Amino acid sequence: MLIVQVCVGSSCHLKGSAEIVELFEQAIKDNNLEDEVVLVGSFCIGKCNRIGVTIQVDDDIHVGITRENFKEFFNEKILKAIK
């Protein structure tokens, strides 16, 4: 089981965390990963970045996730981690 935490703190909220959560929900559904991925919101993870949202996948923290790079991030960090 992969645990994905999306920062929904003030800074990430302003940078689109709600949209990133929606993209995650859709991608998890589209790839039938409901039993493989736990998606949760988290307040500040402590790695704020000027651009994009901070996401923690298990123990790994990733910064700068945006609508534009979400698909690449999901493929590289979620799909590959599950397979």
PDB file of N, CA and C in Angstrom:
ATOM      1  N   MET A   1       0.848  -1.178   0.000  1.00  0.00           N
ATOM      2  CA  MET A   1       0.000   0.000   0.000  1.00  0.00           C
ATOM      3  C   MET A   1       0.892   1.238   0.000  1.00  0.00           C
ATOM      4  N   LEU A   2       0.637   2.117  -0.942  1.00  0.00           N
ATOM      5  CA  LEU A   2       1.402   3.353  -1.089  1.00  0.00           C
ATOM      6  C   LEU A   2       0.607   4.494  -0.447  1.00  0.00           C
ATOM      7  N   ILE A   3       1.249   5.265   0.416  1.00  0.00           N
ATOM      8  CA  ILE A   3       0.581   6.391   1.066  1.00  0.00           C
ATOM      9  C   ILE A   3       1.054   7.691   0.412  1.00  0.00           C
ATOM     10  N   VAL A   4       0.099   8.425  -0.141  1.00  0.00           N
ATOM     11  CA  VAL A   4       0.387   9.682  -0.830  1.00  0.00           C
ATOM     12  C   VAL A   4      -0.261  10.809  -0.042  1.00  0.00           C
ATOM     13  N   GLN A   5       0.574  11.729   0.433  1.00  0.00           N
ATOM     14  CA  GLN A   5       0.088  12.882   1.188  1.00  0.00           C
ATOM     15  C   GLN A   5       0.261  14.132   0.336  1.00  0.00           C
ATOM     16  N   VAL A   6      -0.841  14.826   0.106  1.00  0.00           N
ATOM     17  CA  VAL A   6      -0.802  16.076  -0.649  1.00  0.00           C
ATOM     18  C   VAL A   6      -0.921  17.218   0.359  1.00  0.00           C
ATOM     19  N   CYS A   7       0.042  18.125   0.338  1.00  0.00           N
ATOM     20  CA  CYS A   7      -0.015  19.266   1.235  1.00  0.00           C
ATOM     21  C   CYS A   7      -1.203  20.145   0.864  1.00  0.00           C
ATOM     22  N   VAL A   8      -2.011  20.464   1.857  1.00  0.00           N
ATOM     23  CA  VAL A   8      -3.147  21.363   1.654  1.00  0.00           C
ATOM     24  C   VAL A   8      -3.020  22.593   2.557  1.00  0.00           C
ATOM     25  N   GLY A   9      -1.798  22.829   3.035  1.00  0.00           N
ATOM     26  CA  GLY A   9      -1.530  24.007   3.859  1.00  0.00           C
ATOM     27  C   GLY A   9      -1.694  25.278   3.031  1.00  0.00           C
ATOM     28  N   SER A  10      -1.597  26.404   3.675  1.00  0.00           N
ATOM     29  CA  SER A  10      -1.872  27.701   3.040  1.00  0.00           C
ATOM     30  C   SER A  10      -1.113  27.916   1.737  1.00  0.00           C
ATOM     31  N   SER A  11       0.189  27.723   1.767  1.00  0.00           N
ATOM     32  CA  SER A  11       1.007  27.985   0.590  1.00  0.00           C
ATOM     33  C   SER A  11       0.630  27.059  -0.567  1.00  0.00           C
ATOM     34  N   CYS A  12       0.527  25.768  -0.297  1.00  0.00           N
ATOM     35  CA  CYS A  12       0.185  24.810  -1.358  1.00  0.00           C
ATOM     36  C   CYS A  12      -1.261  24.989  -1.820  1.00  0.00           C
ATOM     37  N   HIS A  13      -2.124  25.377  -0.901  1.00  0.00           N
ATOM     38  CA  HIS A  13      -3.515  25.635  -1.291  1.00  0.00           C
ATOM     39  C   HIS A  13      -3.562  26.736  -2.351  1.00  0.00           C
ATOM     40  N   LEU A  14      -2.796  27.780  -2.133  1.00  0.00           N
ATOM     41  CA  LEU A  14      -2.760  28.889  -3.081  1.00  0.00           C
ATOM     42  C   LEU A  14      -2.134  28.483  -4.412  1.00  0.00           C
ATOM     43  N   LYS A  15      -1.310  27.437  -4.394  1.00  0.00           N
ATOM     44  CA  LYS A  15      -0.636  26.973  -5.612  1.00  0.00           C
ATOM     45  C   LYS A  15      -1.374  25.824  -6.289  1.00  0.00           C
ATOM     46  N   GLY A  16      -2.598  25.512  -5.813  1.00  0.00           N
ATOM     47  CA  GLY A  16      -3.418  24.553  -6.542  1.00  0.00           C
ATOM     48  C   GLY A  16      -3.532  23.163  -5.967  1.00  0.00           C
ATOM     49  N   SER A  17      -3.350  23.002  -4.665  1.00  0.00           N
ATOM     50  CA  SER A  17      -3.413  21.650  -4.102  1.00  0.00           C
ATOM     51  C   SER A  17      -4.778  20.980  -4.309  1.00  0.00           C
ATOM     52  N   ALA A  18      -5.866  21.760  -4.310  1.00  0.00           N
ATOM     53  CA  ALA A  18      -7.189  21.159  -4.534  1.00  0.00           C
ATOM     54  C   ALA A  18      -7.258  20.524  -5.922  1.00  0.00           C
ATOM     55  N   GLU A  19      -6.694  21.178  -6.905  1.00  0.00           N
ATOM     56  CA  GLU A  19      -6.677  20.622  -8.259  1.00  0.00           C
ATOM     57  C   GLU A  19      -5.790  19.375  -8.326  1.00  0.00           C
ATOM     58  N   ILE A  20      -4.663  19.394  -7.625  1.00  0.00           N
ATOM     59  CA  ILE A  20      -3.776  18.228  -7.610  1.00  0.00           C
ATOM     60  C   ILE A  20      -4.484  17.043  -6.958  1.00  0.00           C
ATOM     61  N   VAL A  21      -5.230  17.284  -5.894  1.00  0.00           N
ATOM     62  CA  VAL A  21      -5.999  16.211  -5.256  1.00  0.00           C
ATOM     63  C   VAL A  21      -6.998  15.629  -6.258  1.00  0.00           C
ATOM     64  N   GLU A  22      -7.692  16.484  -7.002  1.00  0.00           N
ATOM     65  CA  GLU A  22      -8.639  16.002  -8.011  1.00  0.00           C
ATOM     66  C   GLU A  22      -7.944  15.185  -9.088  1.00  0.00           C
ATOM     67  N   LEU A  23      -6.773  15.626  -9.522  1.00  0.00           N
ATOM     68  CA  LEU A  23      -6.017  14.868 -10.522  1.00  0.00           C
ATOM     69  C   LEU A  23      -5.612  13.505  -9.972  1.00  0.00           C
ATOM     70  N   PHE A  24      -5.183  13.474  -8.708  1.00  0.00           N
ATOM     71  CA  PHE A  24      -4.839  12.200  -8.080  1.00  0.00           C
ATOM     72  C   PHE A  24      -6.051  11.274  -8.009  1.00  0.00           C
ATOM     73  N   GLU A  25      -7.177  11.808  -7.552  1.00  0.00           N
ATOM     74  CA  GLU A  25      -8.380  10.976  -7.432  1.00  0.00           C
ATOM     75  C   GLU A  25      -8.749  10.358  -8.778  1.00  0.00           C
ATOM     76  N   GLN A  26      -8.689  11.156  -9.833  1.00  0.00           N
ATOM     77  CA  GLN A  26      -9.031  10.650 -11.162  1.00  0.00           C
ATOM     78  C   GLN A  26      -8.002   9.632 -11.654  1.00  0.00           C
ATOM     79  N   ALA A  27      -6.720   9.914 -11.466  1.00  0.00           N
ATOM     80  CA  ALA A  27      -5.671   9.001 -11.923  1.00  0.00           C
ATOM     81  C   ALA A  27      -5.724   7.671 -11.174  1.00  0.00           C
ATOM     82  N   ILE A  28      -6.002   7.722  -9.888  1.00  0.00           N
ATOM     83  CA  ILE A  28      -6.126   6.497  -9.091  1.00  0.00           C
ATOM     84  C   ILE A  28      -7.299   5.674  -9.610  1.00  0.00           C
ATOM     85  N   LYS A  29      -8.395   6.331  -9.874  1.00  0.00           N
ATOM     86  CA  LYS A  29      -9.586   5.642 -10.398  1.00  0.00           C
ATOM     87  C   LYS A  29      -9.317   5.075 -11.789  1.00  0.00           C
ATOM     88  N   ASP A  30      -8.749   5.887 -12.674  1.00  0.00           N
ATOM     89  CA  ASP A  30      -8.489   5.467 -14.056  1.00  0.00           C
ATOM     90  C   ASP A  30      -7.554   4.267 -14.135  1.00  0.00           C
ATOM     91  N   ASN A  31      -6.644   4.151 -13.154  1.00  0.00           N
ATOM     92  CA  ASN A  31      -5.669   3.056 -13.151  1.00  0.00           C
ATOM     93  C   ASN A  31      -6.065   1.924 -12.205  1.00  0.00           C
ATOM     94  N   ASN A  32      -7.294   1.982 -11.684  1.00  0.00           N
ATOM     95  CA  ASN A  32      -7.808   0.945 -10.772  1.00  0.00           C
ATOM     96  C   ASN A  32      -6.875   0.699  -9.590  1.00  0.00           C
ATOM     97  N   LEU A  33      -6.435   1.780  -8.965  1.00  0.00           N
ATOM     98  CA  LEU A  33      -5.472   1.683  -7.863  1.00  0.00           C
ATOM     99  C   LEU A  33      -6.103   1.950  -6.501  1.00  0.00           C
ATOM    100  N   GLU A  34      -7.433   1.895  -6.422  1.00  0.00           N
ATOM    101  CA  GLU A  34      -8.126   2.204  -5.169  1.00  0.00           C
ATOM    102  C   GLU A  34      -7.654   1.340  -4.005  1.00  0.00           C
ATOM    103  N   ASP A  35      -7.237   0.101  -4.288  1.00  0.00           N
ATOM    104  CA  ASP A  35      -6.752  -0.800  -3.245  1.00  0.00           C
ATOM    105  C   ASP A  35      -5.242  -0.729  -3.049  1.00  0.00           C
ATOM    106  N   GLU A  36      -4.567   0.094  -3.863  1.00  0.00           N
ATOM    107  CA  GLU A  36      -3.107   0.176  -3.829  1.00  0.00           C
ATOM    108  C   GLU A  36      -2.580   1.496  -3.265  1.00  0.00           C
ATOM    109  N   VAL A  37      -3.391   2.553  -3.379  1.00  0.00           N
ATOM    110  CA  VAL A  37      -2.935   3.899  -3.007  1.00  0.00           C
ATOM    111  C   VAL A  37      -3.897   4.515  -1.999  1.00  0.00           C
ATOM    112  N   VAL A  38      -3.329   5.038  -0.918  1.00  0.00           N
ATOM    113  CA  VAL A  38      -4.112   5.798   0.058  1.00  0.00           C
ATOM    114  C   VAL A  38      -3.753   7.263  -0.147  1.00  0.00           C
ATOM    115  N   LEU A  39      -4.757   8.067  -0.499  1.00  0.00           N
ATOM    116  CA  LEU A  39      -4.556   9.494  -0.746  1.00  0.00           C
ATOM    117  C   LEU A  39      -5.071  10.273   0.450  1.00  0.00           C
ATOM    118  N   VAL A  40      -4.201  11.084   1.045  1.00  0.00           N
ATOM    119  CA  VAL A  40      -4.596  11.880   2.208  1.00  0.00           C
ATOM    120  C   VAL A  40      -4.093  13.315   2.052  1.00  0.00           C
ATOM    121  N   GLY A  41      -4.791  14.229   2.712  1.00  0.00           N
ATOM    122  CA  GLY A  41      -4.335  15.604   2.782  1.00  0.00           C
ATOM    123  C   GLY A  41      -3.437  15.769   3.993  1.00  0.00           C
ATOM    124  N   SER A  42      -2.518  16.700   3.901  1.00  0.00           N
ATOM    125  CA  SER A  42      -1.589  16.936   4.997  1.00  0.00           C
ATOM    126  C   SER A  42      -1.343  18.438   5.098  1.00  0.00           C
ATOM    127  N   PHE A  43      -1.218  18.927   6.316  1.00  0.00           N
ATOM    128  CA  PHE A  43      -0.804  20.314   6.442  1.00  0.00           C
ATOM    129  C   PHE A  43       0.695  20.380   6.217  1.00  0.00           C
ATOM    130  N   CYS A  44       1.275  21.505   6.258  1.00  0.00           N
ATOM    131  CA  CYS A  44       2.634  21.751   5.798  1.00  0.00           C
ATOM    132  C   CYS A  44       3.594  20.587   6.044  1.00  0.00           C
ATOM    133  N   ILE A  45       4.208  20.155   4.957  1.00  0.00           N
ATOM    134  CA  ILE A  45       5.197  19.082   5.007  1.00  0.00           C
ATOM    135  C   ILE A  45       6.576  19.671   5.285  1.00  0.00           C
ATOM    136  N   GLY A  46       6.705  21.000   5.144  1.00  0.00           N
ATOM    137  CA  GLY A  46       7.943  21.686   5.494  1.00  0.00           C
ATOM    138  C   GLY A  46       8.929  21.865   4.360  1.00  0.00           C
ATOM    139  N   LYS A  47       8.506  21.645   3.139  1.00  0.00           N
ATOM    140  CA  LYS A  47       9.407  21.805   1.992  1.00  0.00           C
ATOM    141  C   LYS A  47       8.775  22.722   0.951  1.00  0.00           C
ATOM    142  N   CYS A  48       8.238  23.842   1.405  1.00  0.00           N
ATOM    143  CA  CYS A  48       7.549  24.771   0.504  1.00  0.00           C
ATOM    144  C   CYS A  48       8.456  25.172  -0.648  1.00  0.00           C
ATOM    145  N   ASN A  49       7.846  25.359  -1.797  1.00  0.00           N
ATOM    146  CA  ASN A  49       8.559  25.709  -3.010  1.00  0.00           C
ATOM    147  C   ASN A  49       7.830  26.875  -3.653  1.00  0.00           C
ATOM    148  N   ARG A  50       8.501  27.632  -4.459  1.00  0.00           N
ATOM    149  CA  ARG A  50       7.856  28.771  -5.115  1.00  0.00           C
ATOM    150  C   ARG A  50       6.778  28.343  -6.099  1.00  0.00           C
ATOM    151  N   ILE A  51       6.982  27.211  -6.735  1.00  0.00           N
ATOM    152  CA  ILE A  51       6.060  26.740  -7.766  1.00  0.00           C
ATOM    153  C   ILE A  51       5.522  25.370  -7.358  1.00  0.00           C
ATOM    154  N   GLY A  52       4.231  25.184  -7.479  1.00  0.00           N
ATOM    155  CA  GLY A  52       3.625  23.874  -7.300  1.00  0.00           C
ATOM    156  C   GLY A  52       3.432  23.448  -5.861  1.00  0.00           C
ATOM    157  N   VAL A  53       2.933  22.236  -5.766  1.00  0.00           N
ATOM    158  CA  VAL A  53       2.487  21.640  -4.511  1.00  0.00           C
ATOM    159  C   VAL A  53       3.519  20.616  -4.023  1.00  0.00           C
ATOM    160  N   THR A  54       3.617  20.473  -2.711  1.00  0.00           N
ATOM    161  CA  THR A  54       4.510  19.483  -2.115  1.00  0.00           C
ATOM    162  C   THR A  54       3.723  18.211  -1.838  1.00  0.00           C
ATOM    163  N   ILE A  55       4.310  17.074  -2.219  1.00  0.00           N
ATOM    164  CA  ILE A  55       3.662  15.775  -2.061  1.00  0.00           C
ATOM    165  C   ILE A  55       4.656  14.816  -1.423  1.00  0.00           C
ATOM    166  N   GLN A  56       4.160  14.040  -0.482  1.00  0.00           N
ATOM    167  CA  GLN A  56       4.978  13.004   0.135  1.00  0.00           C
ATOM    168  C   GLN A  56       4.430  11.647  -0.276  1.00  0.00           C
ATOM    169  N   VAL A  57       5.301  10.814  -0.846  1.00  0.00           N
ATOM    170  CA  VAL A  57       4.944   9.453  -1.245  1.00  0.00           C
ATOM    171  C   VAL A  57       5.731   8.532  -0.327  1.00  0.00           C
ATOM    172  N   ASP A  58       5.020   7.865   0.578  1.00  0.00           N
ATOM    173  CA  ASP A  58       5.647   7.129   1.669  1.00  0.00           C
ATOM    174  C   ASP A  58       6.622   8.070   2.381  1.00  0.00           C
ATOM    175  N   ASP A  59       7.932   7.835   2.309  1.00  0.00           N
ATOM    176  CA  ASP A  59       8.883   8.697   3.016  1.00  0.00           C
ATOM    177  C   ASP A  59       9.571   9.719   2.109  1.00  0.00           C
ATOM    178  N   ASP A  60       9.267   9.709   0.821  1.00  0.00           N
ATOM    179  CA  ASP A  60       9.920  10.595  -0.137  1.00  0.00           C
ATOM    180  C   ASP A  60       9.091  11.859  -0.367  1.00  0.00           C
ATOM    181  N   ILE A  61       9.751  13.006  -0.269  1.00  0.00           N
ATOM    182  CA  ILE A  61       9.074  14.291  -0.457  1.00  0.00           C
ATOM    183  C   ILE A  61       9.430  14.847  -1.835  1.00  0.00           C
ATOM    184  N   HIS A  62       8.394  15.310  -2.536  1.00  0.00           N
ATOM    185  CA  HIS A  62       8.553  15.870  -3.883  1.00  0.00           C
ATOM    186  C   HIS A  62       7.926  17.252  -3.889  1.00  0.00           C
ATOM    187  N   VAL A  63       8.623  18.210  -4.486  1.00  0.00           N
ATOM    188  CA  VAL A  63       8.130  19.590  -4.523  1.00  0.00           C
ATOM    189  C   VAL A  63       7.875  20.009  -5.968  1.00  0.00           C
ATOM    190  N   GLY A  64       7.055  21.044  -6.115  1.00  0.00           N
ATOM    191  CA  GLY A  64       6.845  21.634  -7.433  1.00  0.00           C
ATOM    192  C   GLY A  64       5.889  20.870  -8.329  1.00  0.00           C
ATOM    193  N   ILE A  65       4.954  20.129  -7.748  1.00  0.00           N
ATOM    194  CA  ILE A  65       4.016  19.374  -8.569  1.00  0.00           C
ATOM    195  C   ILE A  65       2.895  20.312  -9.026  1.00  0.00           C
ATOM    196  N   THR A  66       2.708  20.371 -10.340  1.00  0.00           N
ATOM    197  CA  THR A  66       1.709  21.243 -10.945  1.00  0.00           C
ATOM    198  C   THR A  66       0.818  20.435 -11.876  1.00  0.00           C
ATOM    199  N   ARG A  67      -0.226  21.079 -12.366  1.00  0.00           N
ATOM    200  CA  ARG A  67      -1.110  20.434 -13.345  1.00  0.00           C
ATOM    201  C   ARG A  67      -0.289  19.980 -14.555  1.00  0.00           C
ATOM    202  N   GLU A  68       0.665  20.799 -14.957  1.00  0.00           N
ATOM    203  CA  GLU A  68       1.454  20.519 -16.152  1.00  0.00           C
ATOM    204  C   GLU A  68       2.380  19.310 -15.992  1.00  0.00           C
ATOM    205  N   ASN A  69       2.939  19.099 -14.818  1.00  0.00           N
ATOM    206  CA  ASN A  69       3.873  17.979 -14.658  1.00  0.00           C
ATOM    207  C   ASN A  69       3.261  16.817 -13.869  1.00  0.00           C
ATOM    208  N   PHE A  70       1.963  16.902 -13.563  1.00  0.00           N
ATOM    209  CA  PHE A  70       1.327  15.866 -12.751  1.00  0.00           C
ATOM    210  C   PHE A  70       1.401  14.481 -13.397  1.00  0.00           C
ATOM    211  N   LYS A  71       1.066  14.388 -14.675  1.00  0.00           N
ATOM    212  CA  LYS A  71       1.023  13.076 -15.333  1.00  0.00           C
ATOM    213  C   LYS A  71       2.391  12.388 -15.283  1.00  0.00           C
ATOM    214  N   GLU A  72       3.442  13.130 -15.577  1.00  0.00           N
ATOM    215  CA  GLU A  72       4.794  12.574 -15.522  1.00  0.00           C
ATOM    216  C   GLU A  72       5.122  12.135 -14.087  1.00  0.00           C
ATOM    217  N   PHE A  73       4.790  12.976 -13.112  1.00  0.00           N
ATOM    218  CA  PHE A  73       5.019  12.630 -11.710  1.00  0.00           C
ATOM    219  C   PHE A  73       4.277  11.353 -11.337  1.00  0.00           C
ATOM    220  N   PHE A  74       3.000  11.267 -11.699  1.00  0.00           N
ATOM    221  CA  PHE A  74       2.188  10.094 -11.362  1.00  0.00           C
ATOM    222  C   PHE A  74       2.778   8.832 -11.983  1.00  0.00           C
ATOM    223  N   ASN A  75       3.151   8.917 -13.247  1.00  0.00           N
ATOM    224  CA  ASN A  75       3.722   7.748 -13.927  1.00  0.00           C
ATOM    225  C   ASN A  75       5.032   7.300 -13.295  1.00  0.00           C
ATOM    226  N   GLU A  76       5.890   8.267 -12.977  1.00  0.00           N
ATOM    227  CA  GLU A  76       7.224   7.941 -12.446  1.00  0.00           C
ATOM    228  C   GLU A  76       7.200   7.535 -10.972  1.00  0.00           C
ATOM    229  N   LYS A  77       6.438   8.239 -10.158  1.00  0.00           N
ATOM    230  CA  LYS A  77       6.521   8.041  -8.709  1.00  0.00           C
ATOM    231  C   LYS A  77       5.420   7.174  -8.126  1.00  0.00           C
ATOM    232  N   ILE A  78       4.307   7.024  -8.822  1.00  0.00           N
ATOM    233  CA  ILE A  78       3.210   6.209  -8.295  1.00  0.00           C
ATOM    234  C   ILE A  78       3.127   4.891  -9.041  1.00  0.00           C
ATOM    235  N   LEU A  79       2.933   4.945 -10.352  1.00  0.00           N
ATOM    236  CA  LEU A  79       2.792   3.707 -11.116  1.00  0.00           C
ATOM    237  C   LEU A  79       4.021   2.811 -11.007  1.00  0.00           C
ATOM    238  N   LYS A  80       5.196   3.392 -11.143  1.00  0.00           N
ATOM    239  CA  LYS A  80       6.419   2.579 -11.051  1.00  0.00           C
ATOM    240  C   LYS A  80       6.642   2.018  -9.662  1.00  0.00           C
ATOM    241  N   ALA A  81       6.208   2.738  -8.630  1.00  0.00           N
ATOM    242  CA  ALA A  81       6.387   2.273  -7.256  1.00  0.00           C
ATOM    243  C   ALA A  81       5.481   1.089  -6.952  1.00  0.00           C
ATOM    244  N   ILE A  82       4.356   1.012  -7.641  1.00  0.00           N
ATOM    245  CA  ILE A  82       3.397  -0.061  -7.383  1.00  0.00           C
ATOM    246  C   ILE A  82       3.776  -1.324  -8.135  1.00  0.00           C
ATOM    247  N   LYS A  83       4.381  -1.169  -9.301  1.00  0.00           N
ATOM    248  CA  LYS A  83       4.692  -2.336 -10.151  1.00  0.00           C
ATOM    249  C   LYS A  83       5.980  -2.993  -9.793  1.00  0.00           C
TER     250      LYS A  83
END
